[in-house]
Amino acid sequence: MLVFVQATNAAGRFFRAGLEFTSEGRLIDLSELTEDQRAQLNAEPNIGLREATEDEVAAFEARQPEGSALLEELAKVIPSLPADAFGAAGPKVGDA
C-alpha cells in the first residue's frame, strides 16, 4: 500500500526510520519497510501519514524509471556493505 508522508514540523524537513520527509511530502510503499520502520512512522508526531490518493499513486508510478526494481535492490544491498569496500572516490571496482 502506498502512503503519503510529509513533515509537519516548523523546519519542513524531518528524518525518521532512515528516510527523509519534507513539507512537500512523498509516497512510500509500506511493503518495502520493516515492521520497526512502520511502527516508528506511525508513532512520529512530526510527520503526517495517510493513504495515497489514486491521483498520487498514478503520478508516482509514472515517475518510476525503467529498471527501478534494480535500483531498489541496489539501495537495499549498499547499506550492508562494509565501510572499507569504498574508497574516497566511491566503490573500489576490480579490487580482488
N, C-alpha and C. Protein backbone atom coordinates (compact mmCIF):
# COMPACT_ATOMS: atom_id res chain seq x y z
N MET A 1 0.84 -1.17 0.00
CA MET A 1 0.00 0.00 0.00
C MET A 1 0.89 1.24 0.00
N LEU A 2 0.56 2.18 -0.88
CA LEU A 2 1.29 3.44 -0.92
C LEU A 2 0.65 4.43 0.04
N VAL A 3 1.51 5.11 0.81
CA VAL A 3 1.04 6.14 1.73
C VAL A 3 1.74 7.45 1.41
N PHE A 4 1.07 8.55 1.70
CA PHE A 4 1.63 9.89 1.54
C PHE A 4 2.14 10.33 2.90
N VAL A 5 3.40 10.71 2.97
CA VAL A 5 4.02 11.11 4.24
C VAL A 5 4.68 12.47 4.04
N GLN A 6 4.45 13.39 4.99
CA GLN A 6 5.10 14.69 4.90
C GLN A 6 5.48 15.20 6.28
N ALA A 7 6.54 16.01 6.31
CA ALA A 7 6.99 16.63 7.55
C ALA A 7 5.98 17.69 7.96
N THR A 8 5.66 17.71 9.25
CA THR A 8 4.72 18.71 9.77
C THR A 8 5.41 19.63 10.78
N ASN A 9 6.71 19.47 10.96
CA ASN A 9 7.43 20.33 11.90
C ASN A 9 7.74 21.68 11.27
N ALA A 10 8.16 22.64 12.09
CA ALA A 10 8.41 24.01 11.63
C ALA A 10 9.52 24.08 10.58
N ALA A 11 10.50 23.20 10.68
CA ALA A 11 11.62 23.20 9.73
C ALA A 11 11.21 22.72 8.35
N GLY A 12 10.13 21.94 8.26
CA GLY A 12 9.68 21.43 6.98
C GLY A 12 10.52 20.28 6.45
N ARG A 13 11.36 19.72 7.29
CA ARG A 13 12.22 18.61 6.91
C ARG A 13 12.44 17.75 8.15
N PHE A 14 12.34 16.45 7.98
CA PHE A 14 12.43 15.56 9.12
C PHE A 14 12.94 14.20 8.68
N PHE A 15 13.76 13.57 9.51
CA PHE A 15 14.28 12.24 9.24
C PHE A 15 13.75 11.27 10.28
N ARG A 16 13.24 10.13 9.83
CA ARG A 16 12.79 9.09 10.75
C ARG A 16 12.85 7.76 10.01
N ALA A 17 13.19 6.71 10.70
CA ALA A 17 13.23 5.35 10.15
C ALA A 17 14.16 5.25 8.94
N GLY A 18 15.23 6.06 8.93
CA GLY A 18 16.18 6.02 7.84
C GLY A 18 15.70 6.71 6.57
N LEU A 19 14.64 7.51 6.67
CA LEU A 19 14.06 8.17 5.50
C LEU A 19 13.95 9.67 5.75
N GLU A 20 13.98 10.45 4.67
CA GLU A 20 13.80 11.89 4.77
C GLU A 20 12.39 12.27 4.33
N PHE A 21 11.80 13.18 5.08
CA PHE A 21 10.47 13.70 4.74
C PHE A 21 10.53 15.21 4.69
N THR A 22 9.84 15.79 3.73
CA THR A 22 9.78 17.25 3.60
C THR A 22 8.32 17.69 3.70
N SER A 23 8.13 19.01 3.75
CA SER A 23 6.77 19.53 3.81
C SER A 23 6.02 19.29 2.50
N GLU A 24 6.75 19.03 1.40
CA GLU A 24 6.10 18.72 0.13
C GLU A 24 5.51 17.31 0.14
N GLY A 25 6.09 16.44 0.96
CA GLY A 25 5.59 15.07 1.08
C GLY A 25 6.19 14.14 0.04
N ARG A 26 5.99 12.87 0.29
CA ARG A 26 6.46 11.83 -0.63
C ARG A 26 5.61 10.59 -0.44
N LEU A 27 5.62 9.74 -1.45
CA LEU A 27 4.91 8.47 -1.36
C LEU A 27 5.88 7.37 -0.97
N ILE A 28 5.40 6.48 -0.12
CA ILE A 28 6.20 5.34 0.32
C ILE A 28 5.35 4.09 0.24
N ASP A 29 5.95 3.03 -0.25
CA ASP A 29 5.29 1.73 -0.29
C ASP A 29 5.55 1.05 1.05
N LEU A 30 4.52 0.89 1.85
CA LEU A 30 4.67 0.31 3.19
C LEU A 30 5.24 -1.10 3.15
N SER A 31 5.01 -1.82 2.05
CA SER A 31 5.52 -3.20 1.97
C SER A 31 7.04 -3.23 1.89
N GLU A 32 7.67 -2.10 1.57
CA GLU A 32 9.13 -2.05 1.48
C GLU A 32 9.79 -1.68 2.81
N LEU A 33 8.98 -1.39 3.82
CA LEU A 33 9.52 -1.02 5.12
C LEU A 33 9.47 -2.21 6.08
N THR A 34 10.36 -2.19 7.03
CA THR A 34 10.33 -3.22 8.07
C THR A 34 9.20 -2.89 9.04
N GLU A 35 8.86 -3.85 9.87
CA GLU A 35 7.84 -3.63 10.89
C GLU A 35 8.26 -2.50 11.83
N ASP A 36 9.54 -2.47 12.19
CA ASP A 36 10.05 -1.41 13.08
C ASP A 36 9.93 -0.03 12.42
N GLN A 37 10.26 0.06 11.13
CA GLN A 37 10.14 1.34 10.43
C GLN A 37 8.68 1.81 10.40
N ARG A 38 7.77 0.89 10.11
CA ARG A 38 6.34 1.27 10.08
C ARG A 38 5.89 1.75 11.45
N ALA A 39 6.33 1.08 12.51
CA ALA A 39 5.95 1.48 13.87
C ALA A 39 6.51 2.87 14.18
N GLN A 40 7.75 3.15 13.77
CA GLN A 40 8.36 4.46 14.01
C GLN A 40 7.57 5.56 13.31
N LEU A 41 7.19 5.31 12.06
CA LEU A 41 6.44 6.33 11.31
C LEU A 41 5.06 6.55 11.92
N ASN A 42 4.39 5.49 12.30
CA ASN A 42 3.06 5.62 12.88
C ASN A 42 3.07 6.38 14.20
N ALA A 43 4.16 6.27 14.95
CA ALA A 43 4.25 6.92 16.26
C ALA A 43 4.84 8.32 16.21
N GLU A 44 5.32 8.75 15.06
CA GLU A 44 6.05 10.02 14.96
C GLU A 44 5.11 11.22 14.84
N PRO A 45 5.16 12.17 15.81
CA PRO A 45 4.28 13.35 15.74
C PRO A 45 4.74 14.42 14.75
N ASN A 46 5.97 14.32 14.24
CA ASN A 46 6.49 15.34 13.32
C ASN A 46 6.24 15.05 11.85
N ILE A 47 5.47 14.01 11.59
CA ILE A 47 5.09 13.71 10.20
C ILE A 47 3.60 13.41 10.14
N GLY A 48 3.03 13.69 9.00
CA GLY A 48 1.65 13.31 8.73
C GLY A 48 1.67 12.13 7.78
N LEU A 49 0.82 11.15 8.00
CA LEU A 49 0.81 9.94 7.21
C LEU A 49 -0.63 9.60 6.88
N ARG A 50 -0.91 9.38 5.59
CA ARG A 50 -2.26 8.99 5.17
C ARG A 50 -2.15 8.12 3.92
N GLU A 51 -3.23 7.41 3.61
CA GLU A 51 -3.25 6.60 2.39
C GLU A 51 -3.18 7.53 1.18
N ALA A 52 -2.39 7.14 0.20
CA ALA A 52 -2.24 7.94 -1.01
C ALA A 52 -3.52 7.91 -1.85
N THR A 53 -3.81 9.02 -2.51
CA THR A 53 -4.98 9.09 -3.38
C THR A 53 -4.66 8.39 -4.70
N GLU A 54 -5.68 8.10 -5.49
CA GLU A 54 -5.47 7.46 -6.79
C GLU A 54 -4.60 8.34 -7.69
N ASP A 55 -4.82 9.65 -7.66
CA ASP A 55 -4.02 10.56 -8.49
C ASP A 55 -2.56 10.57 -8.06
N GLU A 56 -2.31 10.52 -6.75
CA GLU A 56 -0.93 10.49 -6.25
C GLU A 56 -0.24 9.19 -6.65
N VAL A 57 -0.95 8.08 -6.59
CA VAL A 57 -0.40 6.79 -6.98
C VAL A 57 -0.07 6.80 -8.47
N ALA A 58 -0.97 7.31 -9.29
CA ALA A 58 -0.73 7.36 -10.74
C ALA A 58 0.49 8.23 -11.06
N ALA A 59 0.62 9.37 -10.40
CA ALA A 59 1.76 10.25 -10.63
C ALA A 59 3.06 9.57 -10.17
N PHE A 60 3.01 8.87 -9.06
CA PHE A 60 4.17 8.15 -8.53
C PHE A 60 4.62 7.08 -9.53
N GLU A 61 3.68 6.30 -10.01
CA GLU A 61 4.01 5.22 -10.94
C GLU A 61 4.54 5.76 -12.26
N ALA A 62 4.04 6.90 -12.70
CA ALA A 62 4.51 7.50 -13.95
C ALA A 62 5.95 8.00 -13.84
N ARG A 63 6.38 8.34 -12.63
CA ARG A 63 7.74 8.86 -12.42
C ARG A 63 8.77 7.76 -12.23
N GLN A 64 8.35 6.51 -12.11
CA GLN A 64 9.30 5.42 -11.86
C GLN A 64 10.07 5.12 -13.13
N PRO A 65 11.40 5.27 -13.09
CA PRO A 65 12.21 5.00 -14.29
C PRO A 65 12.27 3.50 -14.57
N GLU A 66 12.54 3.19 -15.84
CA GLU A 66 12.74 1.78 -16.17
C GLU A 66 13.92 1.27 -15.39
N GLY A 67 13.84 0.06 -14.93
CA GLY A 67 14.92 -0.51 -14.15
C GLY A 67 14.88 -0.11 -12.69
N SER A 68 13.78 0.53 -12.26
CA SER A 68 13.72 0.98 -10.87
C SER A 68 13.78 -0.20 -9.90
N ALA A 69 13.35 -1.37 -10.32
CA ALA A 69 13.44 -2.55 -9.45
C ALA A 69 14.90 -2.85 -9.15
N LEU A 70 15.75 -2.73 -10.15
CA LEU A 70 17.19 -2.94 -9.95
C LEU A 70 17.74 -1.89 -9.00
N LEU A 71 17.37 -0.64 -9.19
CA LEU A 71 17.84 0.42 -8.31
C LEU A 71 17.39 0.19 -6.87
N GLU A 72 16.18 -0.28 -6.70
CA GLU A 72 15.68 -0.57 -5.35
C GLU A 72 16.48 -1.69 -4.71
N GLU A 73 16.82 -2.71 -5.48
CA GLU A 73 17.62 -3.81 -4.94
C GLU A 73 19.01 -3.32 -4.54
N LEU A 74 19.60 -2.47 -5.38
CA LEU A 74 20.92 -1.92 -5.06
C LEU A 74 20.85 -1.09 -3.78
N ALA A 75 19.81 -0.30 -3.63
CA ALA A 75 19.65 0.53 -2.44
C ALA A 75 19.53 -0.32 -1.18
N LYS A 76 18.97 -1.51 -1.31
CA LYS A 76 18.85 -2.40 -0.16
C LYS A 76 20.20 -3.04 0.20
N VAL A 77 21.02 -3.32 -0.81
CA VAL A 77 22.27 -4.03 -0.60
C VAL A 77 23.39 -3.10 -0.10
N ILE A 78 23.46 -1.90 -0.62
CA ILE A 78 24.57 -1.00 -0.31
C ILE A 78 24.79 -0.80 1.19
N PRO A 79 23.73 -0.57 2.00
CA PRO A 79 23.99 -0.37 3.43
C PRO A 79 24.63 -1.58 4.12
N SER A 80 24.51 -2.76 3.55
CA SER A 80 25.08 -3.94 4.19
C SER A 80 26.55 -4.15 3.83
N LEU A 81 27.08 -3.35 2.91
CA LEU A 81 28.49 -3.49 2.53
C LEU A 81 29.38 -2.90 3.61
N PRO A 82 30.54 -3.50 3.84
CA PRO A 82 31.45 -2.95 4.84
C PRO A 82 32.01 -1.61 4.39
N ALA A 83 32.28 -0.74 5.35
CA ALA A 83 32.77 0.60 5.04
C ALA A 83 34.06 0.57 4.22
N ASP A 84 34.91 -0.43 4.45
CA ASP A 84 36.18 -0.48 3.71
C ASP A 84 36.01 -0.96 2.27
N ALA A 85 34.79 -1.23 1.84
CA ALA A 85 34.54 -1.61 0.45
C ALA A 85 34.51 -0.38 -0.44
N PHE A 86 34.59 0.81 0.15
CA PHE A 86 34.51 2.05 -0.60
C PHE A 86 35.79 2.87 -0.41
N GLY A 87 36.26 3.44 -1.49
CA GLY A 87 37.41 4.34 -1.43
C GLY A 87 36.92 5.77 -1.42
N ALA A 88 37.83 6.72 -1.43
CA ALA A 88 37.46 8.14 -1.40
C ALA A 88 36.62 8.53 -2.61
N ALA A 89 36.83 7.86 -3.73
CA ALA A 89 36.11 8.20 -4.95
C ALA A 89 34.91 7.30 -5.18
N GLY A 90 34.55 6.48 -4.20
CA GLY A 90 33.40 5.58 -4.35
C GLY A 90 33.81 4.14 -4.21
N PRO A 91 32.98 3.24 -4.73
CA PRO A 91 33.28 1.81 -4.60
C PRO A 91 34.61 1.45 -5.26
N LYS A 92 35.32 0.55 -4.64
CA LYS A 92 36.56 0.04 -5.22
C LYS A 92 36.19 -0.99 -6.27
N VAL A 93 36.38 -0.66 -7.51
CA VAL A 93 35.99 -1.54 -8.61
C VAL A 93 37.21 -2.35 -9.03
N GLY A 94 37.02 -3.64 -9.14
CA GLY A 94 38.08 -4.50 -9.64
C GLY A 94 39.08 -4.95 -8.61
N ASP A 95 38.98 -4.50 -7.37
CA ASP A 95 39.90 -4.98 -6.34
C ASP A 95 39.59 -6.43 -6.03
N ALA A 96 40.60 -7.23 -5.92
CA ALA A 96 40.39 -8.65 -5.60
C ALA A 96 41.25 -9.07 -4.44
